[in-house]
Amino acid sequence: MYVTKRTMLEEVEDLLHPILKDRELSLFDLEFVRERNDHFLRVYIDKPGGVDLAECSLVSESLSEKIDENQLSLLSDDELQE
């Protein structure tokens, strides 16, 4: 079964919104990119006054847990359709 990159990002965004809301952060951008042989999910967050490394780390860890809990698979290029 093929999943579109857009659908996958929408699912990630749905998981991400409660995490950001709890920390009074906003989503600036979300992308899933390939660099050489690796794939990266990039989440860009912001808030008035800026975001520090500790907040970035907490969001990353929380999102990773939610992705695992929901068994959301971040797929390879072979499995994704644009």
C-alpha atoms as a PDB file:
ATOM      1  CA  MET A   1       0.000   0.000   0.000  1.00  0.00           C
ATOM      2  CA  TYR A   2       1.325   3.406  -0.947  1.00  0.00           C
ATOM      3  CA  VAL A   3       0.994   6.432   1.288  1.00  0.00           C
ATOM      4  CA  THR A   4       1.466   9.963   0.079  1.00  0.00           C
ATOM      5  CA  LYS A   5       4.044  12.175   1.713  1.00  0.00           C
ATOM      6  CA  ARG A   6       1.274  14.693   2.313  1.00  0.00           C
ATOM      7  CA  THR A   7      -0.877  12.145   4.175  1.00  0.00           C
ATOM      8  CA  MET A   8       2.061  11.072   6.308  1.00  0.00           C
ATOM      9  CA  LEU A   9       2.891  14.691   7.198  1.00  0.00           C
ATOM     10  CA  GLU A  10      -0.761  15.362   8.043  1.00  0.00           C
ATOM     11  CA  GLU A  11      -0.729  12.409  10.442  1.00  0.00           C
ATOM     12  CA  VAL A  12       2.464  13.675  12.069  1.00  0.00           C
ATOM     13  CA  GLU A  13       0.952  17.155  12.342  1.00  0.00           C
ATOM     14  CA  ASP A  14      -2.121  15.723  14.081  1.00  0.00           C
ATOM     15  CA  LEU A  15       0.150  14.074  16.656  1.00  0.00           C
ATOM     16  CA  LEU A  16       2.240  17.205  17.029  1.00  0.00           C
ATOM     17  CA  HIS A  17      -0.457  19.817  17.696  1.00  0.00           C
ATOM     18  CA  PRO A  18      -1.342  18.722  21.278  1.00  0.00           C
ATOM     19  CA  ILE A  19       2.360  18.550  22.142  1.00  0.00           C
ATOM     20  CA  LEU A  20       2.910  22.102  20.913  1.00  0.00           C
ATOM     21  CA  LYS A  21      -0.278  23.432  22.488  1.00  0.00           C
ATOM     22  CA  ASP A  22       0.761  22.114  25.918  1.00  0.00           C
ATOM     23  CA  ARG A  23       4.003  24.089  25.624  1.00  0.00           C
ATOM     24  CA  GLU A  24       2.458  27.185  24.023  1.00  0.00           C
ATOM     25  CA  LEU A  25       4.509  26.644  20.859  1.00  0.00           C
ATOM     26  CA  SER A  26       3.458  27.049  17.253  1.00  0.00           C
ATOM     27  CA  LEU A  27       4.332  24.969  14.210  1.00  0.00           C
ATOM     28  CA  PHE A  28       6.259  26.966  11.641  1.00  0.00           C
ATOM     29  CA  ASP A  29       6.965  24.161   9.156  1.00  0.00           C
ATOM     30  CA  LEU A  30       7.122  20.395   8.862  1.00  0.00           C
ATOM     31  CA  GLU A  31       9.018  18.440   6.227  1.00  0.00           C
ATOM     32  CA  PHE A  32      10.188  14.935   5.462  1.00  0.00           C
ATOM     33  CA  VAL A  33      13.383  15.037   3.420  1.00  0.00           C
ATOM     34  CA  ARG A  34      15.962  12.702   2.022  1.00  0.00           C
ATOM     35  CA  GLU A  35      19.624  13.562   2.302  1.00  0.00           C
ATOM     36  CA  ARG A  36      21.974  11.072   0.709  1.00  0.00           C
ATOM     37  CA  ASN A  37      20.829   7.696   2.053  1.00  0.00           C
ATOM     38  CA  ASP A  38      18.987   8.974   5.121  1.00  0.00           C
ATOM     39  CA  HIS A  39      15.504  10.376   5.716  1.00  0.00           C
ATOM     40  CA  PHE A  40      14.727  13.126   8.197  1.00  0.00           C
ATOM     41  CA  LEU A  41      11.522  14.445   9.666  1.00  0.00           C
ATOM     42  CA  ARG A  42      12.107  18.110  10.402  1.00  0.00           C
ATOM     43  CA  VAL A  43       9.831  20.042  12.702  1.00  0.00           C
ATOM     44  CA  TYR A  44      10.247  23.810  12.878  1.00  0.00           C
ATOM     45  CA  ILE A  45       8.680  25.373  15.964  1.00  0.00           C
ATOM     46  CA  ASP A  46       8.458  28.890  17.348  1.00  0.00           C
ATOM     47  CA  LYS A  47       6.999  31.034  20.098  1.00  0.00           C
ATOM     48  CA  PRO A  48       7.237  34.678  21.095  1.00  0.00           C
ATOM     49  CA  GLY A  49      10.701  35.191  22.534  1.00  0.00           C
ATOM     50  CA  GLY A  50      12.092  32.173  20.686  1.00  0.00           C
ATOM     51  CA  VAL A  51      12.596  28.493  21.391  1.00  0.00           C
ATOM     52  CA  ASP A  52      15.553  27.049  23.272  1.00  0.00           C
ATOM     53  CA  LEU A  53      17.302  23.729  22.844  1.00  0.00           C
ATOM     54  CA  ALA A  54      15.528  22.175  25.848  1.00  0.00           C
ATOM     55  CA  GLU A  55      12.115  22.861  24.267  1.00  0.00           C
ATOM     56  CA  CYS A  56      13.276  21.428  20.944  1.00  0.00           C
ATOM     57  CA  SER A  57      14.459  18.309  22.726  1.00  0.00           C
ATOM     58  CA  LEU A  58      11.184  17.894  24.660  1.00  0.00           C
ATOM     59  CA  VAL A  59       9.109  18.262  21.489  1.00  0.00           C
ATOM     60  CA  SER A  60      11.333  15.801  19.633  1.00  0.00           C
ATOM     61  CA  GLU A  61      11.120  13.201  22.410  1.00  0.00           C
ATOM     62  CA  SER A  62       7.364  13.657  22.843  1.00  0.00           C
ATOM     63  CA  LEU A  63       6.708  13.393  19.118  1.00  0.00           C
ATOM     64  CA  SER A  64       8.889  10.305  18.839  1.00  0.00           C
ATOM     65  CA  GLU A  65       6.874   8.643  21.628  1.00  0.00           C
ATOM     66  CA  LYS A  66       3.568   9.558  19.922  1.00  0.00           C
ATOM     67  CA  ILE A  67       4.794   8.205  16.577  1.00  0.00           C
ATOM     68  CA  ASP A  68       5.728   4.928  18.276  1.00  0.00           C
ATOM     69  CA  GLU A  69       2.471   4.729  20.272  1.00  0.00           C
ATOM     70  CA  ASN A  70       0.414   5.266  17.125  1.00  0.00           C
ATOM     71  CA  GLN A  71       2.580   2.916  15.097  1.00  0.00           C
ATOM     72  CA  LEU A  72       3.078   5.603  12.483  1.00  0.00           C
ATOM     73  CA  SER A  73       5.741   4.513  10.058  1.00  0.00           C
ATOM     74  CA  LEU A  74       7.942   7.151   8.455  1.00  0.00           C
ATOM     75  CA  LEU A  75       8.290   5.606   5.056  1.00  0.00           C
ATOM     76  CA  SER A  76      11.084   5.470   2.520  1.00  0.00           C
ATOM     77  CA  ASP A  77      10.951   7.070  -0.932  1.00  0.00           C
ATOM     78  CA  ASP A  78      10.030   3.696  -2.431  1.00  0.00           C
ATOM     79  CA  GLU A  79       6.908   3.565  -0.285  1.00  0.00           C
ATOM     80  CA  LEU A  80       5.840   7.183  -0.728  1.00  0.00           C
ATOM     81  CA  GLN A  81       3.998   8.850  -3.546  1.00  0.00           C
ATOM     82  CA  GLU A  82       4.311  12.599  -3.978  1.00  0.00           C
END
